[in-house]
Amino acid sequence: MQIIQQIGVALAISPRTALAVQRALVVAGMSEEVGGLRVTARATRRGLDYGFTIEGDARETDIVIRQHGVRVYVDPFSAQHLDGSEIDYADEDGDLGAAAFTVTLPKRRVARPALVA
C-alpha cells in the first residue's frame, strides 16, 4: 500500500477500498470528481469507533486525501487518530451487503521503563 502524507496525516487505503468506494459512489449517483469516503473517529468509553460514509463533498475544515483515484475526507479530530493507519475493505462473498471497512492502526512505540540502581 502507498501512504499519502498531507497536512500532517498519513493514511493508506488499499486498492480494494478504492474499488468499494467507486462502487458506492455509483450506487449513490455520484462521480469520483464529486464524492468520496468520509472516515470519522468517535471517542467512546472503550476507545474509538470508526465510521464510514459516502459524501458528496468535503467540508471546509476537512483534510482531503486522494489515493487510487478516490477521495477520502477526514476531519481534524479524526485525522489525529488515523495518522499512520491503513484502511482495507473485506468482501468475503462478493456482495456489498456483507462487507466491512477495517482500520489498522500503526504500532505505537512504547517506552520501556529503565532500571535505576
N, C-alpha and C. Protein backbone atom coordinates (compact mmCIF):
# COMPACT_ATOMS: atom_id res chain seq x y z
N MET A 1 0.82 -1.18 0.00
CA MET A 1 0.00 0.00 0.00
C MET A 1 0.87 1.25 0.00
N GLN A 2 0.40 2.24 -0.68
CA GLN A 2 1.09 3.52 -0.72
C GLN A 2 0.50 4.41 0.36
N ILE A 3 1.37 5.12 1.09
CA ILE A 3 0.89 6.03 2.13
C ILE A 3 1.04 7.44 1.62
N ILE A 4 -0.02 8.23 1.74
CA ILE A 4 -0.02 9.61 1.29
C ILE A 4 0.09 10.52 2.52
N GLN A 5 1.01 11.45 2.49
CA GLN A 5 1.19 12.41 3.59
C GLN A 5 0.59 13.74 3.14
N GLN A 6 -0.32 14.27 3.89
CA GLN A 6 -0.94 15.54 3.55
C GLN A 6 -1.34 16.25 4.82
N ILE A 7 -0.82 17.43 5.04
CA ILE A 7 -1.14 18.28 6.17
C ILE A 7 -1.12 17.50 7.48
N GLY A 8 -0.04 16.78 7.71
CA GLY A 8 0.13 16.13 9.00
C GLY A 8 -0.59 14.83 9.20
N VAL A 9 -1.18 14.24 8.17
CA VAL A 9 -1.83 12.95 8.34
C VAL A 9 -1.38 12.00 7.23
N ALA A 10 -0.94 10.83 7.63
CA ALA A 10 -0.57 9.79 6.68
C ALA A 10 -1.64 8.70 6.79
N LEU A 11 -2.25 8.38 5.68
CA LEU A 11 -3.32 7.40 5.66
C LEU A 11 -3.22 6.60 4.37
N ALA A 12 -3.29 5.30 4.47
CA ALA A 12 -3.22 4.43 3.30
C ALA A 12 -4.56 3.74 3.12
N ILE A 13 -5.02 3.69 1.87
CA ILE A 13 -6.19 2.88 1.56
C ILE A 13 -5.76 1.82 0.55
N SER A 14 -6.33 0.66 0.67
CA SER A 14 -5.99 -0.44 -0.23
C SER A 14 -6.72 -0.24 -1.56
N PRO A 15 -6.22 -0.89 -2.61
CA PRO A 15 -6.95 -0.85 -3.88
C PRO A 15 -8.38 -1.40 -3.76
N ARG A 16 -8.58 -2.41 -2.89
CA ARG A 16 -9.95 -2.94 -2.66
C ARG A 16 -10.85 -1.88 -2.05
N THR A 17 -10.28 -1.06 -1.15
CA THR A 17 -11.06 0.02 -0.56
C THR A 17 -11.47 1.02 -1.63
N ALA A 18 -10.53 1.39 -2.48
CA ALA A 18 -10.83 2.34 -3.56
C ALA A 18 -11.93 1.81 -4.47
N LEU A 19 -11.85 0.53 -4.82
CA LEU A 19 -12.87 -0.08 -5.67
C LEU A 19 -14.24 -0.06 -4.99
N ALA A 20 -14.28 -0.35 -3.70
CA ALA A 20 -15.54 -0.33 -2.95
C ALA A 20 -16.12 1.09 -2.91
N VAL A 21 -15.26 2.08 -2.74
CA VAL A 21 -15.72 3.48 -2.72
C VAL A 21 -16.26 3.86 -4.09
N GLN A 22 -15.56 3.47 -5.16
CA GLN A 22 -16.04 3.76 -6.51
C GLN A 22 -17.41 3.15 -6.75
N ARG A 23 -17.61 1.91 -6.32
CA ARG A 23 -18.91 1.25 -6.47
C ARG A 23 -19.98 1.97 -5.66
N ALA A 24 -19.66 2.34 -4.44
CA ALA A 24 -20.63 3.04 -3.58
C ALA A 24 -21.00 4.40 -4.16
N LEU A 25 -20.04 5.09 -4.76
CA LEU A 25 -20.33 6.37 -5.40
C LEU A 25 -21.32 6.20 -6.55
N VAL A 26 -21.15 5.15 -7.33
CA VAL A 26 -22.07 4.87 -8.44
C VAL A 26 -23.47 4.61 -7.90
N VAL A 27 -23.56 3.78 -6.86
CA VAL A 27 -24.87 3.47 -6.25
C VAL A 27 -25.53 4.74 -5.71
N ALA A 28 -24.72 5.66 -5.16
CA ALA A 28 -25.25 6.92 -4.61
C ALA A 28 -25.50 7.97 -5.68
N GLY A 29 -25.18 7.65 -6.94
CA GLY A 29 -25.42 8.59 -8.03
C GLY A 29 -24.39 9.72 -8.08
N MET A 30 -23.19 9.46 -7.58
CA MET A 30 -22.12 10.47 -7.57
C MET A 30 -20.95 9.98 -8.42
N SER A 31 -20.16 10.93 -8.86
CA SER A 31 -18.95 10.56 -9.59
C SER A 31 -17.75 10.73 -8.66
N GLU A 32 -16.61 10.20 -9.09
CA GLU A 32 -15.39 10.33 -8.28
C GLU A 32 -14.94 11.78 -8.17
N GLU A 33 -15.33 12.61 -9.13
CA GLU A 33 -14.98 14.03 -9.07
C GLU A 33 -15.82 14.79 -8.05
N VAL A 34 -16.95 14.22 -7.68
CA VAL A 34 -17.87 14.90 -6.77
C VAL A 34 -17.84 14.32 -5.37
N GLY A 35 -17.79 13.01 -5.24
CA GLY A 35 -17.93 12.39 -3.93
C GLY A 35 -16.69 11.69 -3.44
N GLY A 36 -16.80 11.22 -2.20
CA GLY A 36 -15.70 10.49 -1.60
C GLY A 36 -16.14 9.77 -0.34
N LEU A 37 -15.19 9.14 0.30
CA LEU A 37 -15.42 8.39 1.54
C LEU A 37 -15.05 9.26 2.73
N ARG A 38 -16.00 9.45 3.65
CA ARG A 38 -15.70 10.16 4.89
C ARG A 38 -15.37 9.10 5.95
N VAL A 39 -14.23 9.31 6.60
CA VAL A 39 -13.81 8.43 7.69
C VAL A 39 -13.79 9.28 8.97
N THR A 40 -14.51 8.81 9.98
CA THR A 40 -14.56 9.55 11.25
C THR A 40 -14.14 8.66 12.41
N ALA A 41 -13.59 9.30 13.41
CA ALA A 41 -13.26 8.62 14.66
C ALA A 41 -14.08 9.29 15.75
N ARG A 42 -14.72 8.46 16.57
CA ARG A 42 -15.56 8.99 17.66
C ARG A 42 -15.10 8.33 18.96
N ALA A 43 -14.85 9.17 19.95
CA ALA A 43 -14.40 8.66 21.25
C ALA A 43 -15.55 7.99 21.99
N THR A 44 -15.28 6.81 22.53
CA THR A 44 -16.26 6.09 23.35
C THR A 44 -15.56 5.70 24.65
N ARG A 45 -16.30 5.08 25.54
CA ARG A 45 -15.70 4.64 26.81
C ARG A 45 -14.65 3.56 26.61
N ARG A 46 -14.76 2.81 25.54
CA ARG A 46 -13.84 1.70 25.27
C ARG A 46 -12.73 2.06 24.29
N GLY A 47 -12.67 3.30 23.88
CA GLY A 47 -11.66 3.71 22.90
C GLY A 47 -12.30 4.51 21.79
N LEU A 48 -11.98 4.18 20.56
CA LEU A 48 -12.51 4.89 19.41
C LEU A 48 -13.35 3.98 18.54
N ASP A 49 -14.42 4.53 18.01
CA ASP A 49 -15.23 3.86 17.00
C ASP A 49 -14.98 4.60 15.69
N TYR A 50 -14.87 3.86 14.61
CA TYR A 50 -14.65 4.47 13.30
C TYR A 50 -15.90 4.34 12.46
N GLY A 51 -16.22 5.40 11.74
CA GLY A 51 -17.39 5.41 10.88
C GLY A 51 -17.00 5.70 9.45
N PHE A 52 -17.77 5.16 8.50
CA PHE A 52 -17.50 5.33 7.08
C PHE A 52 -18.80 5.69 6.38
N THR A 53 -18.80 6.80 5.65
CA THR A 53 -19.97 7.21 4.88
C THR A 53 -19.52 7.75 3.53
N ILE A 54 -20.40 7.71 2.57
CA ILE A 54 -20.16 8.32 1.27
C ILE A 54 -20.79 9.70 1.31
N GLU A 55 -20.00 10.71 0.95
CA GLU A 55 -20.49 12.08 0.96
C GLU A 55 -20.17 12.77 -0.35
N GLY A 56 -20.98 13.78 -0.67
CA GLY A 56 -20.84 14.49 -1.93
C GLY A 56 -19.66 15.42 -2.03
N ASP A 57 -19.23 15.97 -0.93
CA ASP A 57 -18.11 16.92 -1.00
C ASP A 57 -17.46 17.06 0.37
N ALA A 58 -16.27 17.59 0.36
CA ALA A 58 -15.54 17.81 1.61
C ALA A 58 -16.11 19.02 2.34
N ARG A 59 -15.93 19.03 3.64
CA ARG A 59 -16.29 20.20 4.44
C ARG A 59 -15.10 21.14 4.47
N GLU A 60 -15.32 22.36 4.86
CA GLU A 60 -14.28 23.40 4.83
C GLU A 60 -13.04 23.02 5.62
N THR A 61 -13.20 22.35 6.75
CA THR A 61 -12.05 22.03 7.60
C THR A 61 -11.46 20.65 7.34
N ASP A 62 -12.01 19.90 6.39
CA ASP A 62 -11.55 18.54 6.12
C ASP A 62 -10.15 18.51 5.51
N ILE A 63 -9.48 17.42 5.78
CA ILE A 63 -8.26 17.06 5.06
C ILE A 63 -8.72 16.10 3.98
N VAL A 64 -8.36 16.37 2.76
CA VAL A 64 -8.77 15.53 1.63
C VAL A 64 -7.56 14.76 1.14
N ILE A 65 -7.68 13.46 1.15
CA ILE A 65 -6.61 12.57 0.70
C ILE A 65 -7.08 11.90 -0.59
N ARG A 66 -6.26 12.00 -1.61
CA ARG A 66 -6.58 11.35 -2.89
C ARG A 66 -5.64 10.16 -3.06
N GLN A 67 -6.26 9.01 -3.30
CA GLN A 67 -5.46 7.80 -3.45
C GLN A 67 -6.23 6.79 -4.28
N HIS A 68 -5.56 6.16 -5.19
CA HIS A 68 -6.17 5.14 -6.07
C HIS A 68 -7.40 5.67 -6.79
N GLY A 69 -7.40 6.96 -7.12
CA GLY A 69 -8.49 7.55 -7.88
C GLY A 69 -9.71 7.96 -7.08
N VAL A 70 -9.67 7.86 -5.76
CA VAL A 70 -10.82 8.28 -4.94
C VAL A 70 -10.36 9.29 -3.88
N ARG A 71 -11.32 10.00 -3.36
CA ARG A 71 -11.05 10.96 -2.30
C ARG A 71 -11.53 10.42 -0.96
N VAL A 72 -10.75 10.73 0.07
CA VAL A 72 -11.11 10.37 1.45
C VAL A 72 -11.14 11.67 2.23
N TYR A 73 -12.26 11.91 2.93
CA TYR A 73 -12.43 13.12 3.73
C TYR A 73 -12.23 12.78 5.20
N VAL A 74 -11.38 13.56 5.87
CA VAL A 74 -11.10 13.32 7.28
C VAL A 74 -11.12 14.66 8.01
N ASP A 75 -11.91 14.74 9.08
CA ASP A 75 -11.93 15.96 9.88
C ASP A 75 -10.68 16.00 10.77
N PRO A 76 -10.31 17.18 11.28
CA PRO A 76 -9.08 17.29 12.07
C PRO A 76 -9.02 16.38 13.30
N PHE A 77 -10.13 16.21 14.03
CA PHE A 77 -10.13 15.32 15.20
C PHE A 77 -9.81 13.89 14.78
N SER A 78 -10.49 13.42 13.75
CA SER A 78 -10.28 12.06 13.29
C SER A 78 -8.88 11.87 12.72
N ALA A 79 -8.36 12.89 12.06
CA ALA A 79 -7.04 12.80 11.44
C ALA A 79 -5.96 12.48 12.46
N GLN A 80 -6.04 13.08 13.63
CA GLN A 80 -5.01 12.83 14.63
C GLN A 80 -5.03 11.39 15.13
N HIS A 81 -6.18 10.74 15.05
CA HIS A 81 -6.30 9.35 15.50
C HIS A 81 -6.07 8.35 14.37
N LEU A 82 -6.14 8.81 13.13
CA LEU A 82 -5.95 7.94 11.98
C LEU A 82 -4.54 8.02 11.39
N ASP A 83 -3.75 8.95 11.87
CA ASP A 83 -2.42 9.18 11.31
C ASP A 83 -1.60 7.88 11.33
N GLY A 84 -1.11 7.48 10.18
CA GLY A 84 -0.31 6.27 10.06
C GLY A 84 -1.12 4.99 9.88
N SER A 85 -2.43 5.12 9.79
CA SER A 85 -3.31 3.95 9.68
C SER A 85 -3.48 3.49 8.24
N GLU A 86 -4.00 2.27 8.11
CA GLU A 86 -4.35 1.71 6.82
C GLU A 86 -5.82 1.31 6.85
N ILE A 87 -6.53 1.61 5.78
CA ILE A 87 -7.93 1.23 5.66
C ILE A 87 -8.05 0.18 4.57
N ASP A 88 -8.68 -0.94 4.92
CA ASP A 88 -8.87 -2.01 3.96
C ASP A 88 -10.36 -2.33 3.88
N TYR A 89 -10.71 -3.11 2.88
CA TYR A 89 -12.09 -3.48 2.64
C TYR A 89 -12.16 -4.99 2.49
N ALA A 90 -13.05 -5.61 3.23
CA ALA A 90 -13.23 -7.07 3.16
C ALA A 90 -14.62 -7.36 2.63
N ASP A 91 -14.69 -8.17 1.60
CA ASP A 91 -15.96 -8.54 0.98
C ASP A 91 -15.88 -10.03 0.68
N GLU A 92 -16.19 -10.84 1.68
CA GLU A 92 -15.97 -12.28 1.58
C GLU A 92 -16.83 -12.99 0.56
N ASP A 93 -18.08 -12.56 0.40
CA ASP A 93 -18.94 -13.29 -0.53
C ASP A 93 -19.25 -12.51 -1.80
N GLY A 94 -18.55 -11.39 -2.03
CA GLY A 94 -18.75 -10.63 -3.26
C GLY A 94 -19.96 -9.72 -3.25
N ASP A 95 -20.66 -9.63 -2.12
CA ASP A 95 -21.85 -8.80 -2.01
C ASP A 95 -21.56 -7.63 -1.09
N LEU A 96 -21.84 -6.41 -1.55
CA LEU A 96 -21.55 -5.23 -0.74
C LEU A 96 -22.27 -5.26 0.61
N GLY A 97 -23.38 -5.96 0.70
CA GLY A 97 -24.13 -6.00 1.95
C GLY A 97 -23.42 -6.74 3.07
N ALA A 98 -22.48 -7.62 2.75
CA ALA A 98 -21.78 -8.41 3.76
C ALA A 98 -20.33 -7.96 3.89
N ALA A 99 -20.08 -6.70 3.61
CA ALA A 99 -18.71 -6.19 3.56
C ALA A 99 -18.42 -5.28 4.75
N ALA A 100 -17.13 -5.02 4.94
CA ALA A 100 -16.74 -4.13 6.04
C ALA A 100 -15.42 -3.45 5.73
N PHE A 101 -15.32 -2.20 6.14
CA PHE A 101 -14.05 -1.49 6.13
C PHE A 101 -13.35 -1.78 7.45
N THR A 102 -12.06 -1.91 7.39
CA THR A 102 -11.29 -2.12 8.62
C THR A 102 -10.18 -1.08 8.70
N VAL A 103 -9.88 -0.65 9.90
CA VAL A 103 -8.80 0.29 10.15
C VAL A 103 -7.71 -0.44 10.92
N THR A 104 -6.51 -0.42 10.37
CA THR A 104 -5.36 -0.98 11.07
C THR A 104 -4.52 0.19 11.54
N LEU A 105 -4.45 0.34 12.85
CA LEU A 105 -3.72 1.45 13.44
C LEU A 105 -2.22 1.16 13.42
N PRO A 106 -1.41 2.20 13.38
CA PRO A 106 0.03 1.97 13.41
C PRO A 106 0.46 1.43 14.77
N LYS A 107 1.54 0.70 14.77
CA LYS A 107 2.07 0.20 16.03
C LYS A 107 2.80 1.35 16.71
N ARG A 108 2.34 1.70 17.87
CA ARG A 108 2.96 2.78 18.63
C ARG A 108 4.14 2.24 19.40
N ARG A 109 5.17 3.02 19.43
CA ARG A 109 6.34 2.63 20.23
C ARG A 109 6.05 2.91 21.69
N VAL A 110 6.27 1.90 22.50
CA VAL A 110 6.03 2.04 23.94
C VAL A 110 7.39 2.15 24.61
N ALA A 111 7.54 3.20 25.37
CA ALA A 111 8.82 3.38 26.08
C ALA A 111 8.91 2.36 27.19
N ARG A 112 10.03 1.67 27.23
CA ARG A 112 10.24 0.69 28.30
C ARG A 112 10.87 1.40 29.50
N PRO A 113 10.40 1.11 30.68
CA PRO A 113 11.00 1.76 31.84
C PRO A 113 12.45 1.34 32.03
N ALA A 114 13.25 2.28 32.35
CA ALA A 114 14.68 1.98 32.59
C ALA A 114 14.86 1.57 34.03
N LEU A 115 15.74 0.60 34.25
CA LEU A 115 16.05 0.18 35.62
C LEU A 115 17.04 1.15 36.22
N VAL A 116 16.72 1.63 37.37
CA VAL A 116 17.61 2.57 38.05
C VAL A 116 18.16 1.88 39.29
N ALA A 117 19.51 1.83 39.39
CA ALA A 117 20.15 1.16 40.53
C ALA A 117 20.47 2.14 41.62
